Amino acid sequence: MMTMPDIIDEIMDNFRKNGDALYDGGEAVTQTEHALQTAWFIEQDGGSDGLIAAALLHDYGHVMGRPDADLENL
């Protein structure tokens, strides 16, 4: 079973490995930039820590780096 620090490390590793890919929404920003922008806007609007985390990770599947076939086995 993964510990919370293990999970955080995996998330950070995936953003480091795959976060430089362009965001799929047609904007000229990377996946990481999009995640940070979204979280920043929620923070500026007074959102809770949980909502900020949700905003940061809302497109996390795009940086997981797993082929679609692997996702079927989760």
PDB file of N, CA and C in Angstrom:
ATOM      1  N   MET A   1       0.844  -1.181   0.000  1.00  0.00           N
ATOM      2  CA  MET A   1       0.000   0.000   0.000  1.00  0.00           C
ATOM      3  C   MET A   1       0.887   1.242   0.000  1.00  0.00           C
ATOM      4  N   MET A   2       0.539   2.192  -0.859  1.00  0.00           N
ATOM      5  CA  MET A   2       1.324   3.413  -0.954  1.00  0.00           C
ATOM      6  C   MET A   2       0.993   4.345   0.210  1.00  0.00           C
ATOM      7  N   THR A   3       2.023   4.993   0.723  1.00  0.00           N
ATOM      8  CA  THR A   3       1.824   5.987   1.767  1.00  0.00           C
ATOM      9  C   THR A   3       1.522   7.339   1.115  1.00  0.00           C
ATOM     10  N   MET A   4       1.044   8.283   1.893  1.00  0.00           N
ATOM     11  CA  MET A   4       0.760   9.617   1.357  1.00  0.00           C
ATOM     12  C   MET A   4       2.012  10.240   0.722  1.00  0.00           C
ATOM     13  N   PRO A   5       3.187  10.173   1.384  1.00  0.00           N
ATOM     14  CA  PRO A   5       4.386  10.714   0.721  1.00  0.00           C
ATOM     15  C   PRO A   5       4.704  10.011  -0.595  1.00  0.00           C
ATOM     16  N   ASP A   6       4.454   8.696  -0.673  1.00  0.00           N
ATOM     17  CA  ASP A   6       4.673   7.965  -1.926  1.00  0.00           C
ATOM     18  C   ASP A   6       3.754   8.484  -3.030  1.00  0.00           C
ATOM     19  N   ILE A   7       2.518   8.721  -2.681  1.00  0.00           N
ATOM     20  CA  ILE A   7       1.541   9.219  -3.657  1.00  0.00           C
ATOM     21  C   ILE A   7       1.947  10.604  -4.149  1.00  0.00           C
ATOM     22  N   ILE A   8       2.337  11.460  -3.224  1.00  0.00           N
ATOM     23  CA  ILE A   8       2.765  12.812  -3.606  1.00  0.00           C
ATOM     24  C   ILE A   8       3.999  12.749  -4.491  1.00  0.00           C
ATOM     25  N   ASP A   9       4.950  11.887  -4.143  1.00  0.00           N
ATOM     26  CA  ASP A   9       6.149  11.717  -4.972  1.00  0.00           C
ATOM     27  C   ASP A   9       5.782  11.256  -6.378  1.00  0.00           C
ATOM     28  N   GLU A  10       4.842  10.322  -6.484  1.00  0.00           N
ATOM     29  CA  GLU A  10       4.425   9.830  -7.805  1.00  0.00           C
ATOM     30  C   GLU A  10       3.769  10.949  -8.619  1.00  0.00           C
ATOM     31  N   ILE A  11       2.925  11.728  -7.982  1.00  0.00           N
ATOM     32  CA  ILE A  11       2.280  12.852  -8.680  1.00  0.00           C
ATOM     33  C   ILE A  11       3.334  13.831  -9.186  1.00  0.00           C
ATOM     34  N   MET A  12       4.277  14.188  -8.310  1.00  0.00           N
ATOM     35  CA  MET A  12       5.325  15.133  -8.712  1.00  0.00           C
ATOM     36  C   MET A  12       6.179  14.556  -9.838  1.00  0.00           C
ATOM     37  N   ASP A  13       6.530  13.284  -9.748  1.00  0.00           N
ATOM     38  CA  ASP A  13       7.314  12.638 -10.806  1.00  0.00           C
ATOM     39  C   ASP A  13       6.578  12.675 -12.139  1.00  0.00           C
ATOM     40  N   ASN A  14       5.279  12.407 -12.127  1.00  0.00           N
ATOM     41  CA  ASN A  14       4.514  12.422 -13.369  1.00  0.00           C
ATOM     42  C   ASN A  14       4.451  13.822 -13.966  1.00  0.00           C
ATOM     43  N   PHE A  15       4.297  14.831 -13.134  1.00  0.00           N
ATOM     44  CA  PHE A  15       4.317  16.203 -13.658  1.00  0.00           C
ATOM     45  C   PHE A  15       5.704  16.541 -14.210  1.00  0.00           C
ATOM     46  N   ARG A  16       6.776  16.087 -13.540  1.00  0.00           N
ATOM     47  CA  ARG A  16       8.126  16.354 -14.046  1.00  0.00           C
ATOM     48  C   ARG A  16       8.364  15.659 -15.390  1.00  0.00           C
ATOM     49  N   LYS A  17       7.892  14.432 -15.504  1.00  0.00           N
ATOM     50  CA  LYS A  17       8.122  13.649 -16.724  1.00  0.00           C
ATOM     51  C   LYS A  17       7.241  14.087 -17.883  1.00  0.00           C
ATOM     52  N   ASN A  18       5.978  14.409 -17.603  1.00  0.00           N
ATOM     53  CA  ASN A  18       5.003  14.606 -18.683  1.00  0.00           C
ATOM     54  C   ASN A  18       4.308  15.960 -18.676  1.00  0.00           C
ATOM     55  N   GLY A  19       4.620  16.791 -17.705  1.00  0.00           N
ATOM     56  CA  GLY A  19       3.918  18.074 -17.577  1.00  0.00           C
ATOM     57  C   GLY A  19       4.280  19.116 -18.612  1.00  0.00           C
ATOM     58  N   ASP A  20       5.356  18.884 -19.370  1.00  0.00           N
ATOM     59  CA  ASP A  20       5.758  19.844 -20.395  1.00  0.00           C
ATOM     60  C   ASP A  20       4.962  19.711 -21.688  1.00  0.00           C
ATOM     61  N   ALA A  21       4.127  18.683 -21.771  1.00  0.00           N
ATOM     62  CA  ALA A  21       3.285  18.504 -22.963  1.00  0.00           C
ATOM     63  C   ALA A  21       2.270  19.646 -23.018  1.00  0.00           C
ATOM     64  N   LEU A  22       1.929  20.048 -24.216  1.00  0.00           N
ATOM     65  CA  LEU A  22       0.951  21.124 -24.360  1.00  0.00           C
ATOM     66  C   LEU A  22      -0.418  20.670 -23.880  1.00  0.00           C
ATOM     67  N   TYR A  23      -1.106  21.580 -23.237  1.00  0.00           N
ATOM     68  CA  TYR A  23      -2.473  21.348 -22.767  1.00  0.00           C
ATOM     69  C   TYR A  23      -3.366  21.089 -23.965  1.00  0.00           C
ATOM     70  N   ASP A  24      -4.310  20.167 -23.828  1.00  0.00           N
ATOM     71  CA  ASP A  24      -5.176  19.758 -24.935  1.00  0.00           C
ATOM     72  C   ASP A  24      -6.278  20.749 -25.265  1.00  0.00           C
ATOM     73  N   GLY A  25      -6.432  21.802 -24.493  1.00  0.00           N
ATOM     74  CA  GLY A  25      -7.545  22.729 -24.673  1.00  0.00           C
ATOM     75  C   GLY A  25      -7.324  23.809 -25.709  1.00  0.00           C
ATOM     76  N   GLY A  26      -6.275  23.693 -26.504  1.00  0.00           N
ATOM     77  CA  GLY A  26      -6.035  24.670 -27.556  1.00  0.00           C
ATOM     78  C   GLY A  26      -5.317  25.919 -27.074  1.00  0.00           C
ATOM     79  N   GLU A  27      -4.888  25.934 -25.825  1.00  0.00           N
ATOM     80  CA  GLU A  27      -4.153  27.076 -25.295  1.00  0.00           C
ATOM     81  C   GLU A  27      -2.656  26.821 -25.457  1.00  0.00           C
ATOM     82  N   ALA A  28      -1.870  27.884 -25.500  1.00  0.00           N
ATOM     83  CA  ALA A  28      -0.419  27.752 -25.645  1.00  0.00           C
ATOM     84  C   ALA A  28       0.237  27.652 -24.270  1.00  0.00           C
ATOM     85  N   VAL A  29      -0.204  26.677 -23.473  1.00  0.00           N
ATOM     86  CA  VAL A  29       0.372  26.427 -22.151  1.00  0.00           C
ATOM     87  C   VAL A  29       0.602  24.931 -21.993  1.00  0.00           C
ATOM     88  N   THR A  30       1.490  24.579 -21.094  1.00  0.00           N
ATOM     89  CA  THR A  30       1.749  23.165 -20.827  1.00  0.00           C
ATOM     90  C   THR A  30       0.711  22.624 -19.849  1.00  0.00           C
ATOM     91  N   GLN A  31       0.727  21.314 -19.692  1.00  0.00           N
ATOM     92  CA  GLN A  31      -0.166  20.679 -18.723  1.00  0.00           C
ATOM     93  C   GLN A  31       0.099  21.213 -17.319  1.00  0.00           C
ATOM     94  N   THR A  32       1.378  21.364 -16.969  1.00  0.00           N
ATOM     95  CA  THR A  32       1.728  21.876 -15.643  1.00  0.00           C
ATOM     96  C   THR A  32       1.266  23.313 -15.475  1.00  0.00           C
ATOM     97  N   GLU A  33       1.507  24.139 -16.478  1.00  0.00           N
ATOM     98  CA  GLU A  33       1.069  25.538 -16.393  1.00  0.00           C
ATOM     99  C   GLU A  33      -0.444  25.633 -16.236  1.00  0.00           C
ATOM    100  N   HIS A  34      -1.162  24.824 -16.984  1.00  0.00           N
ATOM    101  CA  HIS A  34      -2.622  24.830 -16.900  1.00  0.00           C
ATOM    102  C   HIS A  34      -3.079  24.432 -15.499  1.00  0.00           C
ATOM    103  N   ALA A  35      -2.463  23.380 -14.935  1.00  0.00           N
ATOM    104  CA  ALA A  35      -2.822  22.938 -13.589  1.00  0.00           C
ATOM    105  C   ALA A  35      -2.553  24.030 -12.565  1.00  0.00           C
ATOM    106  N   LEU A  36      -1.396  24.662 -12.663  1.00  0.00           N
ATOM    107  CA  LEU A  36      -1.046  25.723 -11.711  1.00  0.00           C
ATOM    108  C   LEU A  36      -1.946  26.946 -11.872  1.00  0.00           C
ATOM    109  N   GLN A  37      -2.262  27.310 -13.101  1.00  0.00           N
ATOM    110  CA  GLN A  37      -3.166  28.447 -13.332  1.00  0.00           C
ATOM    111  C   GLN A  37      -4.538  28.185 -12.732  1.00  0.00           C
ATOM    112  N   THR A  38      -5.050  26.992 -12.953  1.00  0.00           N
ATOM    113  CA  THR A  38      -6.374  26.648 -12.441  1.00  0.00           C
ATOM    114  C   THR A  38      -6.388  26.703 -10.916  1.00  0.00           C
ATOM    115  N   ALA A  39      -5.373  26.121 -10.295  1.00  0.00           N
ATOM    116  CA  ALA A  39      -5.289  26.143  -8.829  1.00  0.00           C
ATOM    117  C   ALA A  39      -5.133  27.568  -8.311  1.00  0.00           C
ATOM    118  N   TRP A  40      -4.348  28.383  -9.005  1.00  0.00           N
ATOM    119  CA  TRP A  40      -4.139  29.772  -8.594  1.00  0.00           C
ATOM    120  C   TRP A  40      -5.459  30.550  -8.615  1.00  0.00           C
ATOM    121  N   PHE A  41      -6.249  30.369  -9.678  1.00  0.00           N
ATOM    122  CA  PHE A  41      -7.531  31.085  -9.757  1.00  0.00           C
ATOM    123  C   PHE A  41      -8.473  30.681  -8.628  1.00  0.00           C
ATOM    124  N   ILE A  42      -8.498  29.399  -8.295  1.00  0.00           N
ATOM    125  CA  ILE A  42      -9.341  28.939  -7.186  1.00  0.00           C
ATOM    126  C   ILE A  42      -8.842  29.539  -5.873  1.00  0.00           C
ATOM    127  N   GLU A  43      -7.529  29.567  -5.691  1.00  0.00           N
ATOM    128  CA  GLU A  43      -6.960  30.156  -4.470  1.00  0.00           C
ATOM    129  C   GLU A  43      -7.316  31.640  -4.362  1.00  0.00           C
ATOM    130  N   GLN A  44      -7.192  32.356  -5.489  1.00  0.00           N
ATOM    131  CA  GLN A  44      -7.510  33.784  -5.492  1.00  0.00           C
ATOM    132  C   GLN A  44      -8.976  34.045  -5.185  1.00  0.00           C
ATOM    133  N   ASP A  45      -9.810  33.078  -5.511  1.00  0.00           N
ATOM    134  CA  ASP A  45     -11.250  33.208  -5.271  1.00  0.00           C
ATOM    135  C   ASP A  45     -11.632  32.758  -3.855  1.00  0.00           C
ATOM    136  N   GLY A  46     -10.628  32.397  -3.053  1.00  0.00           N
ATOM    137  CA  GLY A  46     -10.898  32.009  -1.671  1.00  0.00           C
ATOM    138  C   GLY A  46     -11.285  30.557  -1.487  1.00  0.00           C
ATOM    139  N   GLY A  47     -10.977  29.719  -2.468  1.00  0.00           N
ATOM    140  CA  GLY A  47     -11.337  28.309  -2.384  1.00  0.00           C
ATOM    141  C   GLY A  47     -10.612  27.589  -1.258  1.00  0.00           C
ATOM    142  N   SER A  48     -11.214  26.536  -0.769  1.00  0.00           N
ATOM    143  CA  SER A  48     -10.624  25.728   0.299  1.00  0.00           C
ATOM    144  C   SER A  48      -9.387  24.990  -0.215  1.00  0.00           C
ATOM    145  N   ASP A  49      -8.582  24.471   0.721  1.00  0.00           N
ATOM    146  CA  ASP A  49      -7.403  23.695   0.331  1.00  0.00           C
ATOM    147  C   ASP A  49      -7.788  22.496  -0.536  1.00  0.00           C
ATOM    148  N   GLY A  50      -8.887  21.845  -0.181  1.00  0.00           N
ATOM    149  CA  GLY A  50      -9.344  20.696  -0.957  1.00  0.00           C
ATOM    150  C   GLY A  50      -9.734  21.070  -2.375  1.00  0.00           C
ATOM    151  N   LEU A  51     -10.393  22.216  -2.520  1.00  0.00           N
ATOM    152  CA  LEU A  51     -10.793  22.671  -3.850  1.00  0.00           C
ATOM    153  C   LEU A  51      -9.575  23.088  -4.671  1.00  0.00           C
ATOM    154  N   ILE A  52      -8.596  23.701  -4.019  1.00  0.00           N
ATOM    155  CA  ILE A  52      -7.355  24.072  -4.712  1.00  0.00           C
ATOM    156  C   ILE A  52      -6.646  22.812  -5.196  1.00  0.00           C
ATOM    157  N   ALA A  53      -6.565  21.791  -4.341  1.00  0.00           N
ATOM    158  CA  ALA A  53      -5.937  20.527  -4.735  1.00  0.00           C
ATOM    159  C   ALA A  53      -6.696  19.882  -5.893  1.00  0.00           C
ATOM    160  N   ALA A  54      -8.019  19.923  -5.837  1.00  0.00           N
ATOM    161  CA  ALA A  54      -8.835  19.352  -6.916  1.00  0.00           C
ATOM    162  C   ALA A  54      -8.581  20.101  -8.226  1.00  0.00           C
ATOM    163  N   ALA A  55      -8.462  21.414  -8.153  1.00  0.00           N
ATOM    164  CA  ALA A  55      -8.189  22.210  -9.352  1.00  0.00           C
ATOM    165  C   ALA A  55      -6.814  21.860  -9.919  1.00  0.00           C
ATOM    166  N   LEU A  56      -5.845  21.698  -9.032  1.00  0.00           N
ATOM    167  CA  LEU A  56      -4.493  21.363  -9.455  1.00  0.00           C
ATOM    168  C   LEU A  56      -4.443  20.016 -10.168  1.00  0.00           C
ATOM    169  N   LEU A  57      -5.246  19.077  -9.706  1.00  0.00           N
ATOM    170  CA  LEU A  57      -5.172  17.710 -10.220  1.00  0.00           C
ATOM    171  C   LEU A  57      -6.295  17.343 -11.187  1.00  0.00           C
ATOM    172  N   HIS A  58      -7.115  18.299 -11.586  1.00  0.00           N
ATOM    173  CA  HIS A  58      -8.313  17.958 -12.368  1.00  0.00           C
ATOM    174  C   HIS A  58      -8.005  17.306 -13.713  1.00  0.00           C
ATOM    175  N   ASP A  59      -6.845  17.545 -14.282  1.00  0.00           N
ATOM    176  CA  ASP A  59      -6.445  16.901 -15.540  1.00  0.00           C
ATOM    177  C   ASP A  59      -5.264  15.951 -15.347  1.00  0.00           C
ATOM    178  N   TYR A  60      -5.104  15.452 -14.143  1.00  0.00           N
ATOM    179  CA  TYR A  60      -3.942  14.618 -13.817  1.00  0.00           C
ATOM    180  C   TYR A  60      -3.791  13.418 -14.756  1.00  0.00           C
ATOM    181  N   GLY A  61      -4.878  12.893 -15.242  1.00  0.00           N
ATOM    182  CA  GLY A  61      -4.814  11.759 -16.161  1.00  0.00           C
ATOM    183  C   GLY A  61      -3.978  12.035 -17.394  1.00  0.00           C
ATOM    184  N   HIS A  62      -3.871  13.311 -17.778  1.00  0.00           N
ATOM    185  CA  HIS A  62      -3.078  13.664 -18.961  1.00  0.00           C
ATOM    186  C   HIS A  62      -1.582  13.563 -18.718  1.00  0.00           C
ATOM    187  N   VAL A  63      -1.149  13.582 -17.455  1.00  0.00           N
ATOM    188  CA  VAL A  63       0.287  13.519 -17.178  1.00  0.00           C
ATOM    189  C   VAL A  63       0.703  12.204 -16.533  1.00  0.00           C
ATOM    190  N   MET A  64      -0.239  11.289 -16.369  1.00  0.00           N
ATOM    191  CA  MET A  64       0.082  10.016 -15.720  1.00  0.00           C
ATOM    192  C   MET A  64       1.065   9.187 -16.533  1.00  0.00           C
ATOM    193  N   GLY A  65       1.089   9.373 -17.839  1.00  0.00           N
ATOM    194  CA  GLY A  65       2.042   8.668 -18.673  1.00  0.00           C
ATOM    195  C   GLY A  65       1.746   7.196 -18.864  1.00  0.00           C
ATOM    196  N   ARG A  66       0.496   6.819 -18.703  1.00  0.00           N
ATOM    197  CA  ARG A  66       0.115   5.413 -18.890  1.00  0.00           C
ATOM    198  C   ARG A  66      -0.692   5.272 -20.179  1.00  0.00           C
ATOM    199  N   PRO A  67      -0.331   4.305 -21.011  1.00  0.00           N
ATOM    200  CA  PRO A  67      -1.139   4.066 -22.214  1.00  0.00           C
ATOM    201  C   PRO A  67      -2.568   3.690 -21.827  1.00  0.00           C
ATOM    202  N   ASP A  68      -3.500   3.973 -22.709  1.00  0.00           N
ATOM    203  CA  ASP A  68      -4.907   3.658 -22.442  1.00  0.00           C
ATOM    204  C   ASP A  68      -5.122   2.201 -22.042  1.00  0.00           C
ATOM    205  N   ALA A  69      -4.359   1.279 -22.619  1.00  0.00           N
ATOM    206  CA  ALA A  69      -4.512  -0.138 -22.278  1.00  0.00           C
ATOM    207  C   ALA A  69      -4.191  -0.381 -20.804  1.00  0.00           C
ATOM    208  N   ASP A  70      -3.200   0.325 -20.270  1.00  0.00           N
ATOM    209  CA  ASP A  70      -2.862   0.177 -18.861  1.00  0.00           C
ATOM    210  C   ASP A  70      -3.966   0.702 -17.952  1.00  0.00           C
ATOM    211  N   LEU A  71      -4.665   1.734 -18.389  1.00  0.00           N
ATOM    212  CA  LEU A  71      -5.707   2.334 -17.570  1.00  0.00           C
ATOM    213  C   LEU A  71      -6.880   1.366 -17.358  1.00  0.00           C
ATOM    214  N   GLU A  72      -7.086   0.479 -18.318  1.00  0.00           N
ATOM    215  CA  GLU A  72      -8.173  -0.492 -18.179  1.00  0.00           C
ATOM    216  C   GLU A  72      -7.911  -1.451 -17.025  1.00  0.00           C
ATOM    217  N   ASN A  73      -6.673  -1.605 -16.624  1.00  0.00           N
ATOM    218  CA  ASN A  73      -6.310  -2.552 -15.570  1.00  0.00           C
ATOM    219  C   ASN A  73      -6.252  -1.922 -14.184  1.00  0.00           C
ATOM    220  N   LEU A  74      -6.588  -0.654 -14.058  1.00  0.00           N
ATOM    221  CA  LEU A  74      -6.532   0.002 -12.740  1.00  0.00           C
ATOM    222  C   LEU A  74      -7.669  -0.446 -11.859  1.00  0.00           C
TER     223      LEU A  74
END
